[in-house]
Amino acid sequence: MLSHLAGSSSRSRRIVARLVKCISTVTSCAGDRGTSAVMASTLSTESNRSIAGSPNSGELNPSARSKLTVPWAFWDCSSEAQQKAPFKGTLQGSDTDIEGPDTAFVVATAGTGLATHLGRVSFTQQTTVDLTVGTDTGSTNWIAANGDSIDTTFVGSGEPTDSGLIRITEVHTIIAGTGRFAGVLGSFTVERLADPVAFVTSGSFHGTTTPPGAAH
């Protein structure tokens, strides 16, 4: 009987300890270490009270279990949110206008850049600009020096600046990858300036992706 009670208490404490560790990991990944410490401390305190005050002297009583209920996300210590890695870099390229519909035109861009995970990169992009609303959509193929690549689609918008350049913002979503980028997920925002006279563009991008190779 005593061994049963001791075992129940030990199991309960192990479960709580794992929850505390999980909460600390998740909230630390989100950058809120203060929240992590408070939640972990509260959970640990409640568990000790619950175990000590249980009629069975080793099992969590029903009323105490409700105090230890945490959102499902805290159970998932290997959730995708924790696996996201920063993705950022710079780019520059040259534009070529291609004939399009009456209310739009297509721009083909080829360029190079430097990106986390990819290193030195080359890219080709095709953008359809809707003249009626000032937005654009398109796709881009990004190729690393070793040939591994990612494909993205994007939506964006542009506005003229006082200097005559066009300020463009585009949100890219990764839809495919090859090599070590097979299965990579993520999104990032490109902010660039385009010169409608010299037909050149340059800018930077920032976002997050799952780590390369995580799907293998």
C-alpha atoms as a PDB file:
ATOM      1  CA  MET A   1       0.000   0.000   0.000  1.00  0.00           C
ATOM      2  CA  LEU A   2       2.746   2.447   0.978  1.00  0.00           C
ATOM      3  CA  SER A   3       4.725   1.601  -2.130  1.00  0.00           C
ATOM      4  CA  HIS A   4       1.615   2.263  -4.241  1.00  0.00           C
ATOM      5  CA  LEU A   5       1.140   5.684  -2.677  1.00  0.00           C
ATOM      6  CA  ALA A   6       4.795   6.565  -3.090  1.00  0.00           C
ATOM      7  CA  GLY A   7       4.660   5.502  -6.724  1.00  0.00           C
ATOM      8  CA  SER A   8       1.546   7.595  -7.397  1.00  0.00           C
ATOM      9  CA  SER A   9       3.142  10.644  -5.812  1.00  0.00           C
ATOM     10  CA  SER A  10       6.306  10.135  -7.818  1.00  0.00           C
ATOM     11  CA  ARG A  11       4.359   9.819 -11.083  1.00  0.00           C
ATOM     12  CA  SER A  12       2.322  12.946 -10.327  1.00  0.00           C
ATOM     13  CA  ARG A  13       5.437  14.951  -9.596  1.00  0.00           C
ATOM     14  CA  ARG A  14       7.136  13.709 -12.773  1.00  0.00           C
ATOM     15  CA  ILE A  15       4.120  14.804 -14.840  1.00  0.00           C
ATOM     16  CA  VAL A  16       4.136  18.245 -13.228  1.00  0.00           C
ATOM     17  CA  ALA A  17       7.895  18.583 -13.676  1.00  0.00           C
ATOM     18  CA  ARG A  18       7.495  17.843 -17.370  1.00  0.00           C
ATOM     19  CA  LEU A  19       4.724  20.434 -17.676  1.00  0.00           C
ATOM     20  CA  VAL A  20       6.885  23.035 -15.941  1.00  0.00           C
ATOM     21  CA  LYS A  21       9.759  22.310 -18.323  1.00  0.00           C
ATOM     22  CA  CYS A  22       7.429  22.418 -21.328  1.00  0.00           C
ATOM     23  CA  ILE A  23       5.942  25.783 -20.316  1.00  0.00           C
ATOM     24  CA  SER A  24       9.405  27.213 -19.752  1.00  0.00           C
ATOM     25  CA  THR A  25      10.528  26.038 -23.190  1.00  0.00           C
ATOM     26  CA  VAL A  26       7.491  27.340 -25.076  1.00  0.00           C
ATOM     27  CA  THR A  27       7.331  30.773 -23.435  1.00  0.00           C
ATOM     28  CA  SER A  28      11.096  31.208 -23.669  1.00  0.00           C
ATOM     29  CA  CYS A  29      10.880  30.524 -27.406  1.00  0.00           C
ATOM     30  CA  ALA A  30       8.283  33.262 -27.606  1.00  0.00           C
ATOM     31  CA  GLY A  31      10.659  35.621 -25.798  1.00  0.00           C
ATOM     32  CA  ASP A  32       8.575  35.961 -22.642  1.00  0.00           C
ATOM     33  CA  ARG A  33      10.861  34.607 -19.946  1.00  0.00           C
ATOM     34  CA  GLY A  34       8.996  36.484 -17.219  1.00  0.00           C
ATOM     35  CA  THR A  35       5.753  34.707 -18.079  1.00  0.00           C
ATOM     36  CA  SER A  36       7.625  31.412 -18.164  1.00  0.00           C
ATOM     37  CA  ALA A  37       8.963  31.845 -14.640  1.00  0.00           C
ATOM     38  CA  VAL A  38       5.605  32.897 -13.178  1.00  0.00           C
ATOM     39  CA  MET A  39       3.651  30.066 -14.837  1.00  0.00           C
ATOM     40  CA  ALA A  40       6.233  27.450 -13.891  1.00  0.00           C
ATOM     41  CA  SER A  41       6.345  28.638 -10.286  1.00  0.00           C
ATOM     42  CA  THR A  42       2.549  28.716  -9.994  1.00  0.00           C
ATOM     43  CA  LEU A  43       2.163  25.262 -11.508  1.00  0.00           C
ATOM     44  CA  SER A  44       4.817  23.800  -9.223  1.00  0.00           C
ATOM     45  CA  THR A  45       3.211  25.355  -6.116  1.00  0.00           C
ATOM     46  CA  GLU A  46      -0.278  24.171  -7.027  1.00  0.00           C
ATOM     47  CA  SER A  47       0.971  20.661  -7.711  1.00  0.00           C
ATOM     48  CA  ASN A  48       2.684  20.388  -4.330  1.00  0.00           C
ATOM     49  CA  ARG A  49      -0.473  21.550  -2.555  1.00  0.00           C
ATOM     50  CA  SER A  50      -2.634  19.195  -4.586  1.00  0.00           C
ATOM     51  CA  ILE A  51      -0.487  16.137  -3.989  1.00  0.00           C
ATOM     52  CA  ALA A  52      -0.045  16.867  -0.298  1.00  0.00           C
ATOM     53  CA  GLY A  53      -3.756  17.527   0.210  1.00  0.00           C
ATOM     54  CA  SER A  54      -5.058  14.578  -1.741  1.00  0.00           C
ATOM     55  CA  PRO A  55      -7.212  12.065   0.108  1.00  0.00           C
ATOM     56  CA  ASN A  56      -5.000   9.338  -1.393  1.00  0.00           C
ATOM     57  CA  SER A  57      -1.813  11.094  -0.231  1.00  0.00           C
ATOM     58  CA  GLY A  58      -0.162  10.714  -3.595  1.00  0.00           C
ATOM     59  CA  GLU A  59      -2.651  11.321  -6.386  1.00  0.00           C
ATOM     60  CA  LEU A  60      -3.992  14.619  -7.647  1.00  0.00           C
ATOM     61  CA  ASN A  61      -7.510  15.185  -6.362  1.00  0.00           C
ATOM     62  CA  PRO A  62     -10.184  16.124  -8.955  1.00  0.00           C
ATOM     63  CA  SER A  63     -10.489  19.779  -7.881  1.00  0.00           C
ATOM     64  CA  ALA A  64      -6.729  20.224  -8.112  1.00  0.00           C
ATOM     65  CA  ARG A  65      -6.537  18.822 -11.611  1.00  0.00           C
ATOM     66  CA  SER A  66      -8.486  21.792 -12.928  1.00  0.00           C
ATOM     67  CA  LYS A  67      -5.833  24.118 -11.529  1.00  0.00           C
ATOM     68  CA  LEU A  68      -3.172  22.262 -13.459  1.00  0.00           C
ATOM     69  CA  THR A  69      -4.970  22.476 -16.788  1.00  0.00           C
ATOM     70  CA  VAL A  70      -2.889  24.390 -19.338  1.00  0.00           C
ATOM     71  CA  PRO A  71      -3.515  25.191 -23.019  1.00  0.00           C
ATOM     72  CA  TRP A  72      -2.825  22.344 -25.423  1.00  0.00           C
ATOM     73  CA  ALA A  73       0.018  24.340 -27.006  1.00  0.00           C
ATOM     74  CA  PHE A  74       2.054  23.941 -23.831  1.00  0.00           C
ATOM     75  CA  TRP A  75       1.991  20.166 -24.206  1.00  0.00           C
ATOM     76  CA  ASP A  76       3.533  20.390 -27.660  1.00  0.00           C
ATOM     77  CA  CYS A  77       7.168  20.960 -26.787  1.00  0.00           C
ATOM     78  CA  SER A  78       8.177  20.214 -30.380  1.00  0.00           C
ATOM     79  CA  SER A  79       5.594  22.452 -32.033  1.00  0.00           C
ATOM     80  CA  GLU A  80       6.353  24.179 -35.310  1.00  0.00           C
ATOM     81  CA  ALA A  81       6.417  27.571 -33.559  1.00  0.00           C
ATOM     82  CA  GLN A  82       9.485  26.514 -31.579  1.00  0.00           C
ATOM     83  CA  GLN A  83      11.256  25.303 -34.711  1.00  0.00           C
ATOM     84  CA  LYS A  84      11.008  28.552 -36.672  1.00  0.00           C
ATOM     85  CA  ALA A  85      14.352  30.173 -37.487  1.00  0.00           C
ATOM     86  CA  PRO A  86      15.032  33.753 -38.651  1.00  0.00           C
ATOM     87  CA  PHE A  87      15.329  34.194 -42.405  1.00  0.00           C
ATOM     88  CA  LYS A  88      16.721  37.481 -43.698  1.00  0.00           C
ATOM     89  CA  GLY A  89      19.029  38.978 -46.266  1.00  0.00           C
ATOM     90  CA  THR A  90      19.566  41.486 -49.057  1.00  0.00           C
ATOM     91  CA  LEU A  91      18.961  41.443 -52.791  1.00  0.00           C
ATOM     92  CA  GLN A  92      19.595  43.420 -55.955  1.00  0.00           C
ATOM     93  CA  GLY A  93      18.504  42.825 -59.526  1.00  0.00           C
ATOM     94  CA  SER A  94      17.527  44.184 -62.912  1.00  0.00           C
ATOM     95  CA  ASP A  95      13.995  44.428 -64.288  1.00  0.00           C
ATOM     96  CA  THR A  96      12.612  43.807 -67.752  1.00  0.00           C
ATOM     97  CA  ASP A  97       9.081  44.865 -68.652  1.00  0.00           C
ATOM     98  CA  ILE A  98       7.020  42.303 -70.523  1.00  0.00           C
ATOM     99  CA  GLU A  99       3.814  43.054 -72.370  1.00  0.00           C
ATOM    100  CA  GLY A 100       0.738  42.101 -70.387  1.00  0.00           C
ATOM    101  CA  PRO A 101      -3.025  42.705 -70.249  1.00  0.00           C
ATOM    102  CA  ASP A 102      -4.434  46.199 -70.869  1.00  0.00           C
ATOM    103  CA  THR A 103      -4.832  46.874 -67.150  1.00  0.00           C
ATOM    104  CA  ALA A 104      -1.560  45.263 -66.055  1.00  0.00           C
ATOM    105  CA  PHE A 105       2.015  44.601 -67.045  1.00  0.00           C
ATOM    106  CA  VAL A 106       4.512  41.881 -66.244  1.00  0.00           C
ATOM    107  CA  VAL A 107       8.017  42.481 -64.891  1.00  0.00           C
ATOM    108  CA  ALA A 108      10.750  39.841 -65.108  1.00  0.00           C
ATOM    109  CA  THR A 109      13.520  40.295 -62.539  1.00  0.00           C
ATOM    110  CA  ALA A 110      16.864  38.516 -62.298  1.00  0.00           C
ATOM    111  CA  GLY A 111      19.295  39.154 -59.504  1.00  0.00           C
ATOM    112  CA  THR A 112      21.529  38.027 -56.689  1.00  0.00           C
ATOM    113  CA  GLY A 113      21.593  38.325 -52.946  1.00  0.00           C
ATOM    114  CA  LEU A 114      22.751  37.015 -49.612  1.00  0.00           C
ATOM    115  CA  ALA A 115      20.394  35.100 -47.312  1.00  0.00           C
ATOM    116  CA  THR A 116      20.519  33.116 -44.095  1.00  0.00           C
ATOM    117  CA  HIS A 117      20.422  29.335 -44.773  1.00  0.00           C
ATOM    118  CA  LEU A 118      20.896  29.914 -48.511  1.00  0.00           C
ATOM    119  CA  GLY A 119      24.134  31.903 -48.385  1.00  0.00           C
ATOM    120  CA  ARG A 120      24.882  33.557 -51.703  1.00  0.00           C
ATOM    121  CA  VAL A 121      21.788  33.242 -53.828  1.00  0.00           C
ATOM    122  CA  SER A 122      20.543  33.993 -57.319  1.00  0.00           C
ATOM    123  CA  PHE A 123      16.889  34.489 -58.101  1.00  0.00           C
ATOM    124  CA  THR A 124      14.445  34.932 -60.950  1.00  0.00           C
ATOM    125  CA  GLN A 125      11.072  36.500 -60.419  1.00  0.00           C
ATOM    126  CA  GLN A 126       7.986  37.248 -62.468  1.00  0.00           C
ATOM    127  CA  THR A 127       5.615  39.921 -61.222  1.00  0.00           C
ATOM    128  CA  THR A 128       2.217  40.903 -62.565  1.00  0.00           C
ATOM    129  CA  VAL A 129       1.348  44.482 -61.624  1.00  0.00           C
ATOM    130  CA  ASP A 130      -2.347  45.393 -61.567  1.00  0.00           C
ATOM    131  CA  LEU A 131      -2.560  49.038 -62.630  1.00  0.00           C
ATOM    132  CA  THR A 132      -6.165  49.413 -61.491  1.00  0.00           C
ATOM    133  CA  VAL A 133      -5.429  48.858 -57.802  1.00  0.00           C
ATOM    134  CA  GLY A 134      -1.654  49.210 -57.550  1.00  0.00           C
ATOM    135  CA  THR A 135      -0.988  45.679 -56.296  1.00  0.00           C
ATOM    136  CA  ASP A 136       1.183  42.882 -57.619  1.00  0.00           C
ATOM    137  CA  THR A 137       1.358  39.104 -57.489  1.00  0.00           C
ATOM    138  CA  GLY A 138       3.973  36.673 -58.690  1.00  0.00           C
ATOM    139  CA  SER A 139       6.460  33.917 -58.042  1.00  0.00           C
ATOM    140  CA  THR A 140      10.180  33.646 -57.343  1.00  0.00           C
ATOM    141  CA  ASN A 141      12.763  30.897 -57.599  1.00  0.00           C
ATOM    142  CA  TRP A 142      15.698  31.278 -55.177  1.00  0.00           C
ATOM    143  CA  ILE A 143      18.799  29.156 -55.852  1.00  0.00           C
ATOM    144  CA  ALA A 144      21.690  28.599 -53.441  1.00  0.00           C
ATOM    145  CA  ALA A 145      25.280  28.254 -54.648  1.00  0.00           C
ATOM    146  CA  ASN A 146      25.078  24.436 -54.471  1.00  0.00           C
ATOM    147  CA  GLY A 147      21.885  24.293 -56.547  1.00  0.00           C
ATOM    148  CA  ASP A 148      19.409  23.712 -53.705  1.00  0.00           C
ATOM    149  CA  SER A 149      16.423  26.027 -54.056  1.00  0.00           C
ATOM    150  CA  ILE A 150      13.136  27.303 -52.697  1.00  0.00           C
ATOM    151  CA  ASP A 151      10.089  28.534 -54.587  1.00  0.00           C
ATOM    152  CA  THR A 152       7.801  31.269 -53.310  1.00  0.00           C
ATOM    153  CA  THR A 153       4.621  33.030 -54.325  1.00  0.00           C
ATOM    154  CA  PHE A 154       3.899  36.554 -53.201  1.00  0.00           C
ATOM    155  CA  VAL A 155       1.443  39.412 -53.022  1.00  0.00           C
ATOM    156  CA  GLY A 156       2.480  43.023 -52.702  1.00  0.00           C
ATOM    157  CA  SER A 157       1.944  46.676 -53.399  1.00  0.00           C
ATOM    158  CA  GLY A 158       3.961  49.688 -54.477  1.00  0.00           C
ATOM    159  CA  GLU A 159       3.907  53.453 -54.166  1.00  0.00           C
ATOM    160  CA  PRO A 160       5.991  56.235 -55.702  1.00  0.00           C
ATOM    161  CA  THR A 161       8.479  58.147 -53.581  1.00  0.00           C
ATOM    162  CA  ASP A 162       9.494  61.809 -53.804  1.00  0.00           C
ATOM    163  CA  SER A 163      12.753  60.751 -55.461  1.00  0.00           C
ATOM    164  CA  GLY A 164      10.920  59.086 -58.326  1.00  0.00           C
ATOM    165  CA  LEU A 165      11.649  55.542 -57.167  1.00  0.00           C
ATOM    166  CA  ILE A 166       8.918  53.028 -56.401  1.00  0.00           C
ATOM    167  CA  ARG A 167       8.765  51.599 -52.881  1.00  0.00           C
ATOM    168  CA  ILE A 168       7.591  47.967 -53.057  1.00  0.00           C
ATOM    169  CA  THR A 169       6.545  45.636 -50.255  1.00  0.00           C
ATOM    170  CA  GLU A 170       5.903  41.961 -50.994  1.00  0.00           C
ATOM    171  CA  VAL A 171       4.950  39.096 -48.680  1.00  0.00           C
ATOM    172  CA  HIS A 172       6.418  35.772 -49.839  1.00  0.00           C
ATOM    173  CA  THR A 173       5.185  32.313 -48.874  1.00  0.00           C
ATOM    174  CA  ILE A 174       7.442  29.294 -49.414  1.00  0.00           C
ATOM    175  CA  ILE A 175       5.586  26.663 -51.446  1.00  0.00           C
ATOM    176  CA  ALA A 176       8.357  24.202 -52.366  1.00  0.00           C
ATOM    177  CA  GLY A 177      12.021  23.404 -51.939  1.00  0.00           C
ATOM    178  CA  THR A 178      14.715  21.092 -53.259  1.00  0.00           C
ATOM    179  CA  GLY A 179      17.771  19.464 -51.690  1.00  0.00           C
ATOM    180  CA  ARG A 180      18.159  20.355 -48.038  1.00  0.00           C
ATOM    181  CA  PHE A 181      15.266  22.810 -48.407  1.00  0.00           C
ATOM    182  CA  ALA A 182      12.751  20.100 -49.313  1.00  0.00           C
ATOM    183  CA  GLY A 183       9.778  20.460 -46.980  1.00  0.00           C
ATOM    184  CA  VAL A 184      10.842  23.852 -45.629  1.00  0.00           C
ATOM    185  CA  LEU A 185       7.943  26.087 -44.588  1.00  0.00           C
ATOM    186  CA  GLY A 186       7.814  29.788 -43.843  1.00  0.00           C
ATOM    187  CA  SER A 187       7.174  33.298 -45.050  1.00  0.00           C
ATOM    188  CA  PHE A 188       9.076  36.556 -45.289  1.00  0.00           C
ATOM    189  CA  THR A 189       8.580  40.169 -46.338  1.00  0.00           C
ATOM    190  CA  VAL A 190      10.624  41.833 -49.076  1.00  0.00           C
ATOM    191  CA  GLU A 191      11.027  45.603 -48.924  1.00  0.00           C
ATOM    192  CA  ARG A 192      12.736  47.095 -51.961  1.00  0.00           C
ATOM    193  CA  LEU A 193      13.049  50.140 -54.171  1.00  0.00           C
ATOM    194  CA  ALA A 194      12.659  49.936 -57.953  1.00  0.00           C
ATOM    195  CA  ASP A 195      13.991  52.496 -60.418  1.00  0.00           C
ATOM    196  CA  PRO A 196      11.514  52.814 -63.339  1.00  0.00           C
ATOM    197  CA  VAL A 197      14.138  54.592 -65.459  1.00  0.00           C
ATOM    198  CA  ALA A 198      17.250  52.496 -64.861  1.00  0.00           C
ATOM    199  CA  PHE A 199      15.214  49.280 -64.432  1.00  0.00           C
ATOM    200  CA  VAL A 200      17.099  48.148 -61.315  1.00  0.00           C
ATOM    201  CA  THR A 201      15.843  47.153 -57.883  1.00  0.00           C
ATOM    202  CA  SER A 202      17.406  46.526 -54.472  1.00  0.00           C
ATOM    203  CA  GLY A 203      16.283  45.933 -50.926  1.00  0.00           C
ATOM    204  CA  SER A 204      16.129  43.511 -48.011  1.00  0.00           C
ATOM    205  CA  PHE A 205      13.872  40.813 -46.600  1.00  0.00           C
ATOM    206  CA  HIS A 206      13.052  39.327 -43.214  1.00  0.00           C
ATOM    207  CA  GLY A 207      10.846  36.548 -41.877  1.00  0.00           C
ATOM    208  CA  THR A 208      11.009  33.010 -40.509  1.00  0.00           C
ATOM    209  CA  THR A 209      11.319  29.479 -41.886  1.00  0.00           C
ATOM    210  CA  THR A 210      11.559  26.001 -40.486  1.00  0.00           C
ATOM    211  CA  PRO A 211      15.226  24.932 -40.295  1.00  0.00           C
ATOM    212  CA  PRO A 212      16.676  23.408 -43.483  1.00  0.00           C
ATOM    213  CA  GLY A 213      16.661  19.629 -43.299  1.00  0.00           C
ATOM    214  CA  ALA A 214      14.008  19.531 -40.562  1.00  0.00           C
ATOM    215  CA  ALA A 215      11.679  17.500 -42.797  1.00  0.00           C
ATOM    216  CA  HIS A 216      14.268  14.765 -43.403  1.00  0.00           C
END
